[in-house]
Amino acid sequence: MEGTKRSNIKPGLHVQIVLKQDQRSGKLTEGVVKDILTNAPTHPHGIKVRLEDGQVGRVQEIIS
């Protein structure tokens, strides 16, 4: 599922995000969404979220 649409993302979802420092390499970090930080309905680089462990990044892929 797409990580560029806010409507697809809910707290508790298991996702893969790219952290700010990993944007060049494209390294993905897996975790569970705690908060949705992007207010816009869509974002071309992915919706920005905070994971339950406190890391912040843009959703690249929704796992479940």
N, C-alpha and C. Protein backbone atom coordinates (compact mmCIF):
# COMPACT_ATOMS: atom_id res chain seq x y z
N MET A 1 0.84 -1.19 0.00
CA MET A 1 0.00 0.00 0.00
C MET A 1 0.89 1.25 0.00
N GLU A 2 0.34 2.32 -0.50
CA GLU A 2 1.10 3.57 -0.63
C GLU A 2 1.29 4.28 0.70
N GLY A 3 2.49 4.80 0.89
CA GLY A 3 2.77 5.61 2.07
C GLY A 3 2.63 7.09 1.81
N THR A 4 2.15 7.46 0.59
CA THR A 4 2.03 8.87 0.24
C THR A 4 0.65 9.45 0.55
N LYS A 5 -0.31 8.60 0.93
CA LYS A 5 -1.67 9.05 1.25
C LYS A 5 -1.91 8.93 2.74
N ARG A 6 -2.28 10.05 3.36
CA ARG A 6 -2.51 10.08 4.80
C ARG A 6 -3.64 9.13 5.21
N SER A 7 -4.64 8.99 4.35
CA SER A 7 -5.80 8.15 4.68
C SER A 7 -5.43 6.67 4.82
N ASN A 8 -4.29 6.24 4.25
CA ASN A 8 -3.86 4.85 4.35
C ASN A 8 -3.16 4.54 5.67
N ILE A 9 -2.79 5.57 6.41
CA ILE A 9 -1.92 5.39 7.57
C ILE A 9 -2.68 5.67 8.86
N LYS A 10 -2.59 4.72 9.79
CA LYS A 10 -3.28 4.84 11.08
C LYS A 10 -2.29 4.45 12.18
N PRO A 11 -2.43 5.04 13.37
CA PRO A 11 -1.60 4.59 14.50
C PRO A 11 -1.79 3.09 14.73
N GLY A 12 -0.69 2.40 15.02
CA GLY A 12 -0.74 0.95 15.24
C GLY A 12 -0.35 0.15 14.02
N LEU A 13 -0.26 0.79 12.85
CA LEU A 13 0.15 0.09 11.63
C LEU A 13 1.64 -0.21 11.66
N HIS A 14 2.01 -1.35 11.10
CA HIS A 14 3.41 -1.75 10.96
C HIS A 14 3.90 -1.21 9.61
N VAL A 15 4.94 -0.36 9.63
CA VAL A 15 5.40 0.31 8.41
C VAL A 15 6.92 0.28 8.29
N GLN A 16 7.39 0.62 7.11
CA GLN A 16 8.81 0.86 6.87
C GLN A 16 8.94 2.34 6.52
N ILE A 17 9.86 3.03 7.25
CA ILE A 17 10.07 4.46 7.01
C ILE A 17 11.52 4.69 6.61
N VAL A 18 11.75 5.85 5.98
CA VAL A 18 13.12 6.29 5.73
C VAL A 18 13.37 7.48 6.66
N LEU A 19 14.42 7.36 7.48
CA LEU A 19 14.79 8.43 8.40
C LEU A 19 15.48 9.54 7.62
N LYS A 20 15.48 10.76 8.16
CA LYS A 20 16.11 11.91 7.49
C LYS A 20 17.56 11.61 7.11
N GLN A 21 18.33 11.03 8.05
CA GLN A 21 19.74 10.77 7.77
C GLN A 21 19.95 9.62 6.78
N ASP A 22 18.89 8.84 6.51
CA ASP A 22 19.01 7.71 5.58
C ASP A 22 18.41 8.00 4.21
N GLN A 23 17.99 9.25 3.96
CA GLN A 23 17.31 9.55 2.70
C GLN A 23 18.21 9.33 1.49
N ARG A 24 19.50 9.64 1.62
CA ARG A 24 20.41 9.44 0.48
C ARG A 24 20.62 7.97 0.18
N SER A 25 20.79 7.15 1.22
CA SER A 25 21.05 5.73 1.03
C SER A 25 19.77 4.94 0.76
N GLY A 26 18.64 5.46 1.24
CA GLY A 26 17.37 4.76 1.06
C GLY A 26 17.16 3.65 2.07
N LYS A 27 17.99 3.58 3.11
CA LYS A 27 17.88 2.55 4.14
C LYS A 27 16.53 2.69 4.86
N LEU A 28 15.81 1.58 5.00
CA LEU A 28 14.50 1.60 5.62
C LEU A 28 14.56 1.13 7.06
N THR A 29 13.70 1.70 7.90
CA THR A 29 13.58 1.35 9.30
C THR A 29 12.15 0.87 9.53
N GLU A 30 12.01 -0.26 10.22
CA GLU A 30 10.71 -0.84 10.45
C GLU A 30 10.20 -0.47 11.83
N GLY A 31 8.90 -0.28 11.96
CA GLY A 31 8.33 0.03 13.26
C GLY A 31 6.82 0.17 13.20
N VAL A 32 6.26 0.56 14.34
CA VAL A 32 4.81 0.72 14.48
C VAL A 32 4.50 2.21 14.64
N VAL A 33 3.53 2.70 13.88
CA VAL A 33 3.16 4.12 13.89
C VAL A 33 2.54 4.50 15.24
N LYS A 34 3.08 5.58 15.84
CA LYS A 34 2.51 6.14 17.06
C LYS A 34 1.70 7.39 16.72
N ASP A 35 2.32 8.33 15.96
CA ASP A 35 1.67 9.59 15.59
C ASP A 35 1.88 9.87 14.12
N ILE A 36 0.88 10.52 13.50
CA ILE A 36 1.01 11.00 12.12
C ILE A 36 1.35 12.49 12.20
N LEU A 37 2.47 12.89 11.61
CA LEU A 37 2.94 14.26 11.73
C LEU A 37 2.58 15.14 10.54
N THR A 38 2.30 14.54 9.38
CA THR A 38 1.93 15.31 8.19
C THR A 38 0.44 15.61 8.23
N ASN A 39 0.09 16.88 8.06
CA ASN A 39 -1.33 17.27 8.06
C ASN A 39 -1.97 17.20 6.69
N ALA A 40 -1.16 17.33 5.63
CA ALA A 40 -1.70 17.31 4.26
C ALA A 40 -2.25 15.92 3.92
N PRO A 41 -3.25 15.84 3.03
CA PRO A 41 -3.81 14.53 2.68
C PRO A 41 -2.83 13.63 1.92
N THR A 42 -1.88 14.24 1.19
CA THR A 42 -0.86 13.45 0.48
C THR A 42 0.47 14.18 0.58
N HIS A 43 1.55 13.41 0.37
CA HIS A 43 2.90 14.00 0.29
C HIS A 43 3.71 13.14 -0.65
N PRO A 44 4.37 13.74 -1.65
CA PRO A 44 5.07 12.94 -2.67
C PRO A 44 6.21 12.07 -2.13
N HIS A 45 6.81 12.45 -1.00
CA HIS A 45 7.93 11.66 -0.46
C HIS A 45 7.50 10.74 0.68
N GLY A 46 6.21 10.70 0.97
CA GLY A 46 5.71 9.85 2.04
C GLY A 46 5.21 10.68 3.21
N ILE A 47 4.23 10.14 3.91
CA ILE A 47 3.67 10.82 5.08
C ILE A 47 4.65 10.69 6.24
N LYS A 48 4.90 11.80 6.93
CA LYS A 48 5.84 11.79 8.05
C LYS A 48 5.13 11.27 9.29
N VAL A 49 5.77 10.30 9.95
CA VAL A 49 5.20 9.69 11.15
C VAL A 49 6.26 9.58 12.25
N ARG A 50 5.78 9.41 13.48
CA ARG A 50 6.65 9.07 14.61
C ARG A 50 6.34 7.63 14.98
N LEU A 51 7.38 6.81 15.09
CA LEU A 51 7.20 5.43 15.50
C LEU A 51 7.10 5.34 17.02
N GLU A 52 6.66 4.18 17.51
CA GLU A 52 6.52 3.99 18.96
C GLU A 52 7.84 4.13 19.69
N ASP A 53 8.96 3.88 19.01
CA ASP A 53 10.29 4.02 19.65
C ASP A 53 10.83 5.46 19.55
N GLY A 54 10.02 6.39 18.98
CA GLY A 54 10.40 7.79 18.93
C GLY A 54 11.06 8.25 17.65
N GLN A 55 11.43 7.33 16.76
CA GLN A 55 12.06 7.72 15.49
C GLN A 55 11.03 8.36 14.57
N VAL A 56 11.50 9.36 13.79
CA VAL A 56 10.62 10.09 12.88
C VAL A 56 11.13 9.93 11.46
N GLY A 57 10.21 9.63 10.54
CA GLY A 57 10.59 9.49 9.14
C GLY A 57 9.36 9.44 8.26
N ARG A 58 9.61 9.28 6.96
CA ARG A 58 8.51 9.23 5.99
C ARG A 58 8.20 7.80 5.58
N VAL A 59 6.91 7.48 5.56
CA VAL A 59 6.47 6.12 5.25
C VAL A 59 6.78 5.78 3.80
N GLN A 60 7.49 4.68 3.60
CA GLN A 60 7.79 4.18 2.26
C GLN A 60 6.90 2.99 1.91
N GLU A 61 6.59 2.18 2.94
CA GLU A 61 5.80 0.99 2.69
C GLU A 61 4.99 0.64 3.93
N ILE A 62 3.75 0.20 3.69
CA ILE A 62 2.90 -0.26 4.79
C ILE A 62 2.94 -1.77 4.77
N ILE A 63 3.33 -2.36 5.90
CA ILE A 63 3.48 -3.82 5.98
C ILE A 63 2.16 -4.47 6.38
N SER A 64 1.47 -3.89 7.38
CA SER A 64 0.16 -4.45 7.77
C SER A 64 -0.66 -3.40 8.48
